[in-house]
C-alpha atoms as a PDB file:
ATOM      1  CA  UNK A   1     -44.700  -8.463  28.277  1.00  0.00           C
ATOM      2  CA  UNK A   2     -41.282  -7.354  26.989  1.00  0.00           C
ATOM      3  CA  UNK A   3     -41.096  -4.148  24.993  1.00  0.00           C
ATOM      4  CA  UNK A   4     -38.166  -2.890  22.955  1.00  0.00           C
ATOM      5  CA  UNK A   5     -37.962   0.595  21.488  1.00  0.00           C
ATOM      6  CA  UNK A   6     -35.442   0.897  18.669  1.00  0.00           C
ATOM      7  CA  UNK A   7     -33.991   4.298  17.794  1.00  0.00           C
ATOM      8  CA  UNK A   8     -31.761   4.234  14.716  1.00  0.00           C
ATOM      9  CA  UNK A   9     -29.756   7.412  15.100  1.00  0.00           C
ATOM     10  CA  UNK A  10     -28.526   7.824  11.521  1.00  0.00           C
ATOM     11  CA  UNK A  11     -30.068  10.868   9.913  1.00  0.00           C
ATOM     12  CA  UNK A  12     -32.415  11.311  12.850  1.00  0.00           C
ATOM     13  CA  UNK A  13     -34.723   8.612  11.491  1.00  0.00           C
ATOM     14  CA  UNK A  14     -36.913   6.980  14.131  1.00  0.00           C
ATOM     15  CA  UNK A  15     -37.947   3.399  13.640  1.00  0.00           C
ATOM     16  CA  UNK A  16     -40.268   2.100  16.393  1.00  0.00           C
ATOM     17  CA  UNK A  17     -40.302  -1.656  16.802  1.00  0.00           C
ATOM     18  CA  UNK A  18     -41.780  -3.724  19.586  1.00  0.00           C
ATOM     19  CA  UNK A  19     -40.755  -7.209  20.555  1.00  0.00           C
ATOM     20  CA  UNK A  20     -43.544  -8.993  22.418  1.00  0.00           C
ATOM     21  CA  UNK A  21     -42.092 -11.971  24.207  1.00  0.00           C
ATOM     22  CA  UNK A  22     -44.401 -14.470  25.854  1.00  0.00           C
ATOM     23  CA  UNK A  23     -41.828 -17.073  26.758  1.00  0.00           C
ATOM     24  CA  UNK A  24     -41.785 -18.880  30.076  1.00  0.00           C
ATOM     25  CA  UNK A  25     -41.738 -16.340  32.863  1.00  0.00           C
ATOM     26  CA  UNK A  26     -41.429 -13.470  30.435  1.00  0.00           C
ATOM     27  CA  UNK A  27     -44.891 -12.011  30.747  1.00  0.00           C
ATOM     28  CA  UNK A  28     -44.967  -8.869  32.815  1.00  0.00           C
ATOM     29  CA  UNK A  29     -48.217  -9.859  34.517  1.00  0.00           C
ATOM     30  CA  UNK A  30     -47.728 -12.764  36.891  1.00  0.00           C
ATOM     31  CA  UNK A  31     -50.937 -14.732  37.000  1.00  0.00           C
ATOM     32  CA  UNK A  32     -51.257 -16.629  40.270  1.00  0.00           C
ATOM     33  CA  UNK A  33     -53.314 -19.792  39.768  1.00  0.00           C
ATOM     34  CA  UNK A  34     -56.712 -19.955  41.462  1.00  0.00           C
ATOM     35  CA  UNK A  35     -55.349 -22.650  43.806  1.00  0.00           C
ATOM     36  CA  UNK A  36     -53.098 -20.007  45.355  1.00  0.00           C
ATOM     37  CA  UNK A  37     -55.976 -17.546  45.536  1.00  0.00           C
ATOM     38  CA  UNK A  38     -57.784 -20.120  47.662  1.00  0.00           C
ATOM     39  CA  UNK A  39     -54.623 -20.656  49.726  1.00  0.00           C
ATOM     40  CA  UNK A  40     -54.417 -16.914  50.370  1.00  0.00           C
ATOM     41  CA  UNK A  41     -58.093 -16.715  51.324  1.00  0.00           C
ATOM     42  CA  UNK A  42     -57.896 -19.694  53.688  1.00  0.00           C
ATOM     43  CA  UNK A  43     -54.601 -18.522  55.184  1.00  0.00           C
ATOM     44  CA  UNK A  44     -55.839 -14.972  55.819  1.00  0.00           C
ATOM     45  CA  UNK A  45     -59.129 -16.160  57.338  1.00  0.00           C
ATOM     46  CA  UNK A  46     -57.566 -18.749  59.648  1.00  0.00           C
ATOM     47  CA  UNK A  47     -54.741 -16.494  60.797  1.00  0.00           C
ATOM     48  CA  UNK A  48     -56.990 -13.491  61.347  1.00  0.00           C
ATOM     49  CA  UNK A  49     -59.349 -15.556  63.506  1.00  0.00           C
ATOM     50  CA  UNK A  50     -56.347 -16.931  65.393  1.00  0.00           C
ATOM     51  CA  UNK A  51     -54.961 -13.411  65.997  1.00  0.00           C
ATOM     52  CA  UNK A  52     -58.259 -12.421  67.652  1.00  0.00           C
ATOM     53  CA  UNK A  53     -58.282 -15.601  69.756  1.00  0.00           C
ATOM     54  CA  UNK A  54     -54.600 -15.164  70.672  1.00  0.00           C
ATOM     55  CA  UNK A  55     -55.096 -11.568  71.816  1.00  0.00           C
ATOM     56  CA  UNK A  56     -58.140 -12.570  73.883  1.00  0.00           C
ATOM     57  CA  UNK A  57     -56.406 -15.469  75.605  1.00  0.00           C
ATOM     58  CA  UNK A  58     -53.170 -13.480  75.947  1.00  0.00           C
ATOM     59  CA  UNK A  59     -55.018 -10.815  77.915  1.00  0.00           C
ATOM     60  CA  UNK A  60     -56.931 -13.453  79.890  1.00  0.00           C
ATOM     61  CA  UNK A  61     -53.759 -15.396  80.759  1.00  0.00           C
ATOM     62  CA  UNK A  62     -51.761 -12.206  81.399  1.00  0.00           C
ATOM     63  CA  UNK A  63     -49.191 -13.429  78.847  1.00  0.00           C
ATOM     64  CA  UNK A  64     -47.345 -10.683  77.021  1.00  0.00           C
ATOM     65  CA  UNK A  65     -45.496 -13.315  74.971  1.00  0.00           C
ATOM     66  CA  UNK A  66     -48.826 -14.576  73.634  1.00  0.00           C
ATOM     67  CA  UNK A  67     -49.956 -11.026  72.868  1.00  0.00           C
ATOM     68  CA  UNK A  68     -46.638 -10.240  71.176  1.00  0.00           C
ATOM     69  CA  UNK A  69     -46.979 -13.402  69.077  1.00  0.00           C
ATOM     70  CA  UNK A  70     -50.445 -12.190  68.083  1.00  0.00           C
ATOM     71  CA  UNK A  71     -48.871  -8.922  66.919  1.00  0.00           C
ATOM     72  CA  UNK A  72     -46.340 -10.910  64.905  1.00  0.00           C
ATOM     73  CA  UNK A  73     -49.119 -12.991  63.365  1.00  0.00           C
ATOM     74  CA  UNK A  74     -51.144  -9.874  62.571  1.00  0.00           C
ATOM     75  CA  UNK A  75     -48.156  -8.456  60.725  1.00  0.00           C
ATOM     76  CA  UNK A  76     -47.908 -11.575  58.624  1.00  0.00           C
ATOM     77  CA  UNK A  77     -51.661 -11.511  57.938  1.00  0.00           C
ATOM     78  CA  UNK A  78     -51.036  -8.065  56.480  1.00  0.00           C
ATOM     79  CA  UNK A  79     -48.120  -9.554  54.557  1.00  0.00           C
ATOM     80  CA  UNK A  80     -50.416 -12.249  53.161  1.00  0.00           C
ATOM     81  CA  UNK A  81     -52.960  -9.609  52.171  1.00  0.00           C
ATOM     82  CA  UNK A  82     -50.207  -7.614  50.500  1.00  0.00           C
ATOM     83  CA  UNK A  83     -48.985 -10.613  48.515  1.00  0.00           C
ATOM     84  CA  UNK A  84     -52.555 -11.503  47.572  1.00  0.00           C
ATOM     85  CA  UNK A  85     -53.375  -7.937  46.528  1.00  0.00           C
ATOM     86  CA  UNK A  86     -50.170  -7.810  44.486  1.00  0.00           C
ATOM     87  CA  UNK A  87     -51.107 -10.962  42.598  1.00  0.00           C
ATOM     88  CA  UNK A  88     -54.605  -9.620  41.911  1.00  0.00           C
ATOM     89  CA  UNK A  89     -53.498  -6.131  40.889  1.00  0.00           C
ATOM     90  CA  UNK A  90     -50.894  -7.629  38.559  1.00  0.00           C
ATOM     91  CA  UNK A  91     -53.796  -8.863  36.436  1.00  0.00           C
ATOM     92  CA  UNK A  92     -55.164  -5.358  36.003  1.00  0.00           C
ATOM     93  CA  UNK A  93     -54.289  -3.934  32.633  1.00  0.00           C
ATOM     94  CA  UNK A  94     -52.777  -0.487  32.060  1.00  0.00           C
ATOM     95  CA  UNK A  95     -54.919   2.540  31.251  1.00  0.00           C
ATOM     96  CA  UNK A  96     -54.102   5.714  29.289  1.00  0.00           C
ATOM     97  CA  UNK A  97     -53.580   7.521  32.610  1.00  0.00           C
ATOM     98  CA  UNK A  98     -51.900   4.647  34.524  1.00  0.00           C
ATOM     99  CA  UNK A  99     -49.662   3.171  31.876  1.00  0.00           C
ATOM    100  CA  UNK A 100     -48.138   0.629  34.299  1.00  0.00           C
ATOM    101  CA  UNK A 101     -51.490  -0.352  35.771  1.00  0.00           C
ATOM    102  CA  UNK A 102     -51.818  -0.527  39.551  1.00  0.00           C
ATOM    103  CA  UNK A 103     -48.805  -2.686  40.332  1.00  0.00           C
ATOM    104  CA  UNK A 104     -46.993   0.072  42.241  1.00  0.00           C
ATOM    105  CA  UNK A 105     -49.720  -0.009  44.903  1.00  0.00           C
ATOM    106  CA  UNK A 106     -47.982  -3.067  46.350  1.00  0.00           C
ATOM    107  CA  UNK A 107     -44.925  -0.915  47.177  1.00  0.00           C
ATOM    108  CA  UNK A 108     -47.047   1.656  49.015  1.00  0.00           C
ATOM    109  CA  UNK A 109     -48.796  -1.134  50.908  1.00  0.00           C
ATOM    110  CA  UNK A 110     -45.436  -2.624  51.920  1.00  0.00           C
ATOM    111  CA  UNK A 111     -44.316   0.740  53.358  1.00  0.00           C
ATOM    112  CA  UNK A 112     -47.568   1.065  55.313  1.00  0.00           C
ATOM    113  CA  UNK A 113     -47.223  -2.531  56.535  1.00  0.00           C
ATOM    114  CA  UNK A 114     -43.690  -1.914  57.812  1.00  0.00           C
ATOM    115  CA  UNK A 115     -44.741   1.301  59.557  1.00  0.00           C
ATOM    116  CA  UNK A 116     -47.617  -0.439  61.331  1.00  0.00           C
ATOM    117  CA  UNK A 117     -45.374  -3.252  62.531  1.00  0.00           C
ATOM    118  CA  UNK A 118     -42.753  -0.853  63.908  1.00  0.00           C
ATOM    119  CA  UNK A 119     -45.427   1.038  65.863  1.00  0.00           C
ATOM    120  CA  UNK A 120     -46.722  -2.246  67.304  1.00  0.00           C
ATOM    121  CA  UNK A 121     -43.160  -3.188  68.278  1.00  0.00           C
ATOM    122  CA  UNK A 122     -42.815   0.035  70.288  1.00  0.00           C
ATOM    123  CA  UNK A 123     -45.983  -0.658  72.268  1.00  0.00           C
ATOM    124  CA  UNK A 124     -44.982  -4.256  73.052  1.00  0.00           C
ATOM    125  CA  UNK A 125     -41.482  -3.179  74.128  1.00  0.00           C
ATOM    126  CA  UNK A 126     -42.822  -0.631  76.622  1.00  0.00           C
ATOM    127  CA  UNK A 127     -45.132  -3.225  78.168  1.00  0.00           C
ATOM    128  CA  UNK A 128     -42.406  -5.896  78.233  1.00  0.00           C
ATOM    129  CA  UNK A 129     -39.991  -3.637  80.113  1.00  0.00           C
ATOM    130  CA  UNK A 130     -42.749  -2.871  82.623  1.00  0.00           C
ATOM    131  CA  UNK A 131     -43.435  -6.605  83.080  1.00  0.00           C
ATOM    132  CA  UNK A 132     -39.727  -7.302  83.632  1.00  0.00           C
ATOM    133  CA  UNK A 133     -39.719  -4.778  86.478  1.00  0.00           C
ATOM    134  CA  UNK A 134     -43.024  -5.984  87.901  1.00  0.00           C
ATOM    135  CA  UNK A 135     -43.684  -9.654  86.885  1.00  0.00           C
ATOM    136  CA  UNK A 136     -47.285 -10.845  87.001  1.00  0.00           C
ATOM    137  CA  UNK A 137     -48.753 -14.387  87.118  1.00  0.00           C
ATOM    138  CA  UNK A 138     -49.139 -16.201  83.795  1.00  0.00           C
ATOM    139  CA  UNK A 139     -51.591 -19.009  82.986  1.00  0.00           C
ATOM    140  CA  UNK A 140     -48.904 -21.148  81.368  1.00  0.00           C
ATOM    141  CA  UNK A 141     -51.280 -23.972  80.400  1.00  0.00           C
ATOM    142  CA  UNK A 142     -53.502 -21.622  78.394  1.00  0.00           C
ATOM    143  CA  UNK A 143     -50.441 -20.057  76.763  1.00  0.00           C
ATOM    144  CA  UNK A 144     -49.131 -23.452  75.646  1.00  0.00           C
ATOM    145  CA  UNK A 145     -52.462 -24.641  74.235  1.00  0.00           C
ATOM    146  CA  UNK A 146     -53.153 -21.453  72.256  1.00  0.00           C
ATOM    147  CA  UNK A 147     -49.610 -21.249  70.895  1.00  0.00           C
ATOM    148  CA  UNK A 148     -49.713 -24.939  69.900  1.00  0.00           C
ATOM    149  CA  UNK A 149     -52.882 -24.263  67.903  1.00  0.00           C
ATOM    150  CA  UNK A 150     -50.936 -21.463  66.210  1.00  0.00           C
ATOM    151  CA  UNK A 151     -48.242 -23.895  65.133  1.00  0.00           C
ATOM    152  CA  UNK A 152     -50.844 -26.117  63.456  1.00  0.00           C
ATOM    153  CA  UNK A 153     -52.535 -23.187  61.680  1.00  0.00           C
ATOM    154  CA  UNK A 154     -49.285 -21.649  60.463  1.00  0.00           C
ATOM    155  CA  UNK A 155     -47.785 -24.917  59.205  1.00  0.00           C
ATOM    156  CA  UNK A 156     -51.082 -25.800  57.514  1.00  0.00           C
ATOM    157  CA  UNK A 157     -51.179 -22.409  55.799  1.00  0.00           C
ATOM    158  CA  UNK A 158     -47.543 -22.749  54.691  1.00  0.00           C
ATOM    159  CA  UNK A 159     -48.309 -26.100  53.075  1.00  0.00           C
ATOM    160  CA  UNK A 160     -50.824 -24.332  50.823  1.00  0.00           C
ATOM    161  CA  UNK A 161     -47.971 -22.283  49.335  1.00  0.00           C
ATOM    162  CA  UNK A 162     -45.329 -25.025  49.188  1.00  0.00           C
ATOM    163  CA  UNK A 163     -45.971 -25.964  45.552  1.00  0.00           C
ATOM    164  CA  UNK A 164     -45.366 -22.455  44.208  1.00  0.00           C
ATOM    165  CA  UNK A 165     -42.599 -21.212  46.502  1.00  0.00           C
ATOM    166  CA  UNK A 166     -39.845 -21.812  43.928  1.00  0.00           C
ATOM    167  CA  UNK A 167     -41.521 -20.063  40.990  1.00  0.00           C
ATOM    168  CA  UNK A 168     -43.125 -16.929  42.473  1.00  0.00           C
ATOM    169  CA  UNK A 169     -41.516 -14.520  44.933  1.00  0.00           C
ATOM    170  CA  UNK A 170     -44.894 -13.546  46.419  1.00  0.00           C
ATOM    171  CA  UNK A 171     -45.729 -17.191  47.114  1.00  0.00           C
ATOM    172  CA  UNK A 172     -42.274 -17.787  48.574  1.00  0.00           C
ATOM    173  CA  UNK A 173     -42.677 -14.787  50.868  1.00  0.00           C
ATOM    174  CA  UNK A 174     -46.031 -16.070  52.102  1.00  0.00           C
ATOM    175  CA  UNK A 175     -44.542 -19.540  52.715  1.00  0.00           C
ATOM    176  CA  UNK A 176     -41.586 -18.153  54.701  1.00  0.00           C
ATOM    177  CA  UNK A 177     -43.830 -15.836  56.750  1.00  0.00           C
ATOM    178  CA  UNK A 178     -46.034 -18.711  57.818  1.00  0.00           C
ATOM    179  CA  UNK A 179     -43.096 -20.944  58.722  1.00  0.00           C
ATOM    180  CA  UNK A 180     -41.628 -18.056  60.732  1.00  0.00           C
ATOM    181  CA  UNK A 181     -44.922 -17.721  62.597  1.00  0.00           C
ATOM    182  CA  UNK A 182     -44.852 -21.419  63.399  1.00  0.00           C
ATOM    183  CA  UNK A 183     -41.355 -21.024  64.879  1.00  0.00           C
ATOM    184  CA  UNK A 184     -42.465 -18.021  66.977  1.00  0.00           C
ATOM    185  CA  UNK A 185     -45.461 -19.947  68.313  1.00  0.00           C
ATOM    186  CA  UNK A 186     -43.138 -22.832  69.192  1.00  0.00           C
ATOM    187  CA  UNK A 187     -41.015 -20.412  71.231  1.00  0.00           C
ATOM    188  CA  UNK A 188     -44.117 -19.323  73.148  1.00  0.00           C
ATOM    189  CA  UNK A 189     -45.017 -22.961  73.853  1.00  0.00           C
ATOM    190  CA  UNK A 190     -41.548 -23.567  75.266  1.00  0.00           C
ATOM    191  CA  UNK A 191     -41.810 -20.407  77.383  1.00  0.00           C
ATOM    192  CA  UNK A 192     -45.173 -21.535  78.782  1.00  0.00           C
ATOM    193  CA  UNK A 193     -43.755 -24.954  79.639  1.00  0.00           C
ATOM    194  CA  UNK A 194     -40.702 -23.521  81.417  1.00  0.00           C
ATOM    195  CA  UNK A 195     -42.820 -21.013  83.347  1.00  0.00           C
ATOM    196  CA  UNK A 196     -45.131 -23.812  84.469  1.00  0.00           C
ATOM    197  CA  UNK A 197     -42.176 -25.928  85.655  1.00  0.00           C
ATOM    198  CA  UNK A 198     -40.016 -23.243  87.221  1.00  0.00           C
ATOM    199  CA  UNK A 199     -42.296 -20.304  87.992  1.00  0.00           C
ATOM    200  CA  UNK A 200     -39.912 -17.937  86.205  1.00  0.00           C
ATOM    201  CA  UNK A 201     -42.421 -15.170  85.447  1.00  0.00           C
ATOM    202  CA  UNK A 202     -39.711 -12.989  83.913  1.00  0.00           C
ATOM    203  CA  UNK A 203     -39.469 -15.455  81.050  1.00  0.00           C
ATOM    204  CA  UNK A 204     -42.790 -14.294  79.555  1.00  0.00           C
ATOM    205  CA  UNK A 205     -41.718 -10.672  78.921  1.00  0.00           C
ATOM    206  CA  UNK A 206     -38.228 -11.908  77.974  1.00  0.00           C
ATOM    207  CA  UNK A 207     -39.673 -14.087  75.205  1.00  0.00           C
ATOM    208  CA  UNK A 208     -41.869 -11.187  74.099  1.00  0.00           C
ATOM    209  CA  UNK A 209     -38.718  -9.069  73.689  1.00  0.00           C
ATOM    210  CA  UNK A 210     -37.176 -11.817  71.572  1.00  0.00           C
ATOM    211  CA  UNK A 211     -40.290 -11.755  69.388  1.00  0.00           C
ATOM    212  CA  UNK A 212     -40.002  -7.958  69.255  1.00  0.00           C
ATOM    213  CA  UNK A 213     -36.452  -8.388  67.921  1.00  0.00           C
ATOM    214  CA  UNK A 214     -37.751 -10.820  65.294  1.00  0.00           C
ATOM    215  CA  UNK A 215     -40.543  -8.447  64.225  1.00  0.00           C
ATOM    216  CA  UNK A 216     -38.152  -5.476  64.149  1.00  0.00           C
ATOM    217  CA  UNK A 217     -35.639  -7.373  62.014  1.00  0.00           C
ATOM    218  CA  UNK A 218     -38.305  -8.417  59.517  1.00  0.00           C
ATOM    219  CA  UNK A 219     -40.021  -5.006  59.545  1.00  0.00           C
ATOM    220  CA  UNK A 220     -36.800  -3.054  59.133  1.00  0.00           C
ATOM    221  CA  UNK A 221     -35.828  -5.131  56.124  1.00  0.00           C
ATOM    222  CA  UNK A 222     -39.307  -4.688  54.679  1.00  0.00           C
ATOM    223  CA  UNK A 223     -39.227  -0.940  55.309  1.00  0.00           C
ATOM    224  CA  UNK A 224     -35.767  -0.548  53.743  1.00  0.00           C
ATOM    225  CA  UNK A 225     -36.621  -2.625  50.677  1.00  0.00           C
ATOM    226  CA  UNK A 226     -39.964  -0.836  50.257  1.00  0.00           C
ATOM    227  CA  UNK A 227     -38.379   2.607  50.479  1.00  0.00           C
ATOM    228  CA  UNK A 228     -35.714   1.590  47.979  1.00  0.00           C
ATOM    229  CA  UNK A 229     -38.419   0.426  45.579  1.00  0.00           C
ATOM    230  CA  UNK A 230     -40.367   3.654  46.120  1.00  0.00           C
ATOM    231  CA  UNK A 231     -37.184   5.619  45.277  1.00  0.00           C
ATOM    232  CA  UNK A 232     -36.686   3.564  42.089  1.00  0.00           C
ATOM    233  CA  UNK A 233     -33.501   1.921  43.377  1.00  0.00           C
ATOM    234  CA  UNK A 234     -32.206  -1.207  41.691  1.00  0.00           C
ATOM    235  CA  UNK A 235     -34.103  -4.112  43.306  1.00  0.00           C
ATOM    236  CA  UNK A 236     -32.144  -6.281  45.701  1.00  0.00           C
ATOM    237  CA  UNK A 237     -30.651  -9.332  44.031  1.00  0.00           C
ATOM    238  CA  UNK A 238     -29.870  -7.596  40.733  1.00  0.00           C
ATOM    239  CA  UNK A 239     -26.266  -6.536  40.044  1.00  0.00           C
ATOM    240  CA  UNK A 240     -26.263  -3.447  37.761  1.00  0.00           C
ATOM    241  CA  UNK A 241     -22.684  -4.166  36.685  1.00  0.00           C
ATOM    242  CA  UNK A 242     -23.660  -7.684  35.570  1.00  0.00           C
ATOM    243  CA  UNK A 243     -26.606  -6.262  33.621  1.00  0.00           C
ATOM    244  CA  UNK A 244     -24.315  -3.751  31.914  1.00  0.00           C
ATOM    245  CA  UNK A 245     -21.831  -6.507  31.064  1.00  0.00           C
ATOM    246  CA  UNK A 246     -24.624  -8.508  29.448  1.00  0.00           C
ATOM    247  CA  UNK A 247     -25.752  -5.547  27.340  1.00  0.00           C
ATOM    248  CA  UNK A 248     -22.156  -4.783  26.319  1.00  0.00           C
ATOM    249  CA  UNK A 249     -21.783  -8.362  25.088  1.00  0.00           C
ATOM    250  CA  UNK A 250     -24.529  -7.863  22.513  1.00  0.00           C
ATOM    251  CA  UNK A 251     -23.624  -7.776  18.831  1.00  0.00           C
ATOM    252  CA  UNK A 252     -21.756  -4.574  17.820  1.00  0.00           C
ATOM    253  CA  UNK A 253     -22.632  -2.695  21.051  1.00  0.00           C
ATOM    254  CA  UNK A 254     -19.720  -0.371  21.947  1.00  0.00           C
ATOM    255  CA  UNK A 255     -21.260   1.854  24.618  1.00  0.00           C
ATOM    256  CA  UNK A 256     -24.143   1.951  27.088  1.00  0.00           C
ATOM    257  CA  UNK A 257     -25.597   5.007  28.794  1.00  0.00           C
ATOM    258  CA  UNK A 258     -28.757   6.137  30.584  1.00  0.00           C
ATOM    259  CA  UNK A 259     -29.170   2.667  32.121  1.00  0.00           C
ATOM    260  CA  UNK A 260     -31.993   2.488  34.664  1.00  0.00           C
ATOM    261  CA  UNK A 261     -33.298  -0.568  36.534  1.00  0.00           C
ATOM    262  CA  UNK A 262     -36.218  -0.261  38.935  1.00  0.00           C
ATOM    263  CA  UNK A 263     -39.160  -2.136  40.399  1.00  0.00           C
ATOM    264  CA  UNK A 264     -42.581  -1.399  38.947  1.00  0.00           C
ATOM    265  CA  UNK A 265     -44.012  -3.372  41.869  1.00  0.00           C
ATOM    266  CA  UNK A 266     -42.733  -5.733  44.542  1.00  0.00           C
ATOM    267  CA  UNK A 267     -42.411  -8.444  41.864  1.00  0.00           C
ATOM    268  CA  UNK A 268     -42.003  -6.741  38.460  1.00  0.00           C
ATOM    269  CA  UNK A 269     -38.696  -5.226  37.319  1.00  0.00           C
ATOM    270  CA  UNK A 270     -38.222  -2.783  34.442  1.00  0.00           C
ATOM    271  CA  UNK A 271     -35.160  -1.545  32.574  1.00  0.00           C
ATOM    272  CA  UNK A 272     -34.359   1.231  30.114  1.00  0.00           C
ATOM    273  CA  UNK A 273     -31.015   1.808  28.390  1.00  0.00           C
ATOM    274  CA  UNK A 274     -29.411   3.478  25.384  1.00  0.00           C
ATOM    275  CA  UNK A 275     -27.150   1.146  23.386  1.00  0.00           C
ATOM    276  CA  UNK A 276     -24.620   2.593  20.951  1.00  0.00           C
ATOM    277  CA  UNK A 277     -23.783   0.268  18.043  1.00  0.00           C
ATOM    278  CA  UNK A 278     -21.000   0.635  15.515  1.00  0.00           C
ATOM    279  CA  UNK A 279     -23.144  -0.794  12.717  1.00  0.00           C
ATOM    280  CA  UNK A 280     -26.738  -0.986  11.606  1.00  0.00           C
ATOM    281  CA  UNK A 281     -28.838  -4.035  10.793  1.00  0.00           C
ATOM    282  CA  UNK A 282     -29.989  -6.975  12.855  1.00  0.00           C
ATOM    283  CA  UNK A 283     -31.880  -4.776  15.321  1.00  0.00           C
ATOM    284  CA  UNK A 284     -34.776  -7.176  15.767  1.00  0.00           C
ATOM    285  CA  UNK A 285     -32.478 -10.124  16.545  1.00  0.00           C
ATOM    286  CA  UNK A 286     -30.448  -8.039  18.990  1.00  0.00           C
ATOM    287  CA  UNK A 287     -33.540  -6.779  20.793  1.00  0.00           C
ATOM    288  CA  UNK A 288     -35.048 -10.259  21.026  1.00  0.00           C
ATOM    289  CA  UNK A 289     -31.793 -11.705  22.395  1.00  0.00           C
ATOM    290  CA  UNK A 290     -31.325  -8.884  24.918  1.00  0.00           C
ATOM    291  CA  UNK A 291     -34.867  -9.138  26.260  1.00  0.00           C
ATOM    292  CA  UNK A 292     -34.683 -12.912  26.537  1.00  0.00           C
ATOM    293  CA  UNK A 293     -31.375 -12.833  28.427  1.00  0.00           C
ATOM    294  CA  UNK A 294     -32.512 -10.015  30.735  1.00  0.00           C
ATOM    295  CA  UNK A 295     -35.632 -11.993  31.590  1.00  0.00           C
ATOM    296  CA  UNK A 296     -33.923 -15.351  32.060  1.00  0.00           C
ATOM    297  CA  UNK A 297     -30.838 -14.164  33.988  1.00  0.00           C
ATOM    298  CA  UNK A 298     -32.182 -11.275  36.032  1.00  0.00           C
ATOM    299  CA  UNK A 299     -35.987 -11.566  36.002  1.00  0.00           C
ATOM    300  CA  UNK A 300     -36.267  -8.242  34.142  1.00  0.00           C
ATOM    301  CA  UNK A 301     -39.413  -8.792  32.092  1.00  0.00           C
ATOM    302  CA  UNK A 302     -40.060  -5.214  30.926  1.00  0.00           C
ATOM    303  CA  UNK A 303     -37.067  -3.896  28.959  1.00  0.00           C
ATOM    304  CA  UNK A 304     -37.033  -0.757  26.795  1.00  0.00           C
ATOM    305  CA  UNK A 305     -33.869  -0.360  24.711  1.00  0.00           C
ATOM    306  CA  UNK A 306     -32.961   2.605  22.501  1.00  0.00           C
ATOM    307  CA  UNK A 307     -30.385   1.904  19.788  1.00  0.00           C
ATOM    308  CA  UNK A 308     -28.110   4.700  18.566  1.00  0.00           C
ATOM    309  CA  UNK A 309     -25.229   5.017  16.085  1.00  0.00           C
ATOM    310  CA  UNK A 310     -23.307   7.506  18.236  1.00  0.00           C
ATOM    311  CA  UNK A 311     -22.875  10.012  15.399  1.00  0.00           C
ATOM    312  CA  UNK A 312     -21.228  13.287  16.406  1.00  0.00           C
ATOM    313  CA  UNK A 313     -23.819  15.189  14.377  1.00  0.00           C
ATOM    314  CA  UNK A 314     -26.601  13.848  16.608  1.00  0.00           C
ATOM    315  CA  UNK A 315     -25.210  13.474  20.142  1.00  0.00           C
ATOM    316  CA  UNK A 316     -27.476  11.967  22.806  1.00  0.00           C
ATOM    317  CA  UNK A 317     -28.358  14.526  25.484  1.00  0.00           C
ATOM    318  CA  UNK A 318     -28.518  11.732  28.106  1.00  0.00           C
ATOM    319  CA  UNK A 319     -25.050  10.296  27.426  1.00  0.00           C
ATOM    320  CA  UNK A 320     -23.355  12.001  30.385  1.00  0.00           C
ATOM    321  CA  UNK A 321     -23.481   9.912  33.610  1.00  0.00           C
ATOM    322  CA  UNK A 322     -24.555  12.982  35.611  1.00  0.00           C
ATOM    323  CA  UNK A 323     -27.645  13.502  33.456  1.00  0.00           C
ATOM    324  CA  UNK A 324     -30.817  11.642  34.415  1.00  0.00           C
END
């Protein structure tokens, strides 16, 4: 839902107007169809069962690569749960005490998810280094069979999200996570095959270190993006200068100050700004145009704009760039 707060600065008169835009993609609450709810449920269940099986057979076959792949899959199960929870919480309405609802919980969950993955990476790295120094036998046939099953499960889960990957960032994230898991499982299959043919036992911990690098890369990006969102930074993919240029192009706008862009959740973006106009009139049309363009060009679906005349008799206390 797009909100616009109009402040007509002349004479100190306040005129509150709200523009409620329900155009395509403009609603602040992203409703994930029930088909994707089922895809999340099936994907989480299958992958969680597979993680347990993979850990069990990894320990039985003495394969650290298989165990590391299980850790990778567990991380993406948490990612699926996060995306699912985000889509469910987005449907929860605001309350007088939580005026944005519970959408920000998804940011906290992302930080916790990244922290868990980085801890798991440390444990796998220590064990992999030990295995490189003291290689142990690996049941390569078991490793290949279990990892091949993982490919089937991950690709099958990804197919459940294929239809919505272009229209919803949560769905796209789930799709990419599952395809990444399929690629990791394929690497484990190849490692098992080579070990069986050559007897290179060092290859198992070596592949596990490659998977550690993959997990670290994904986790570090997740941690950085999550912390930025928690600190109300401008979400990645949005250029503040381009947003300011758009607002400056609006009818009779001569100055912009107190511009803020932040993520209310991992999917919802909000904006506030003060616009100084050299004339009055046409506020509703300007607000409607600004909100529509912000939504369509930048995915900013919750915009709050304050209009001012810039009169010297009533200066804005937030006009200085150093004032927040």
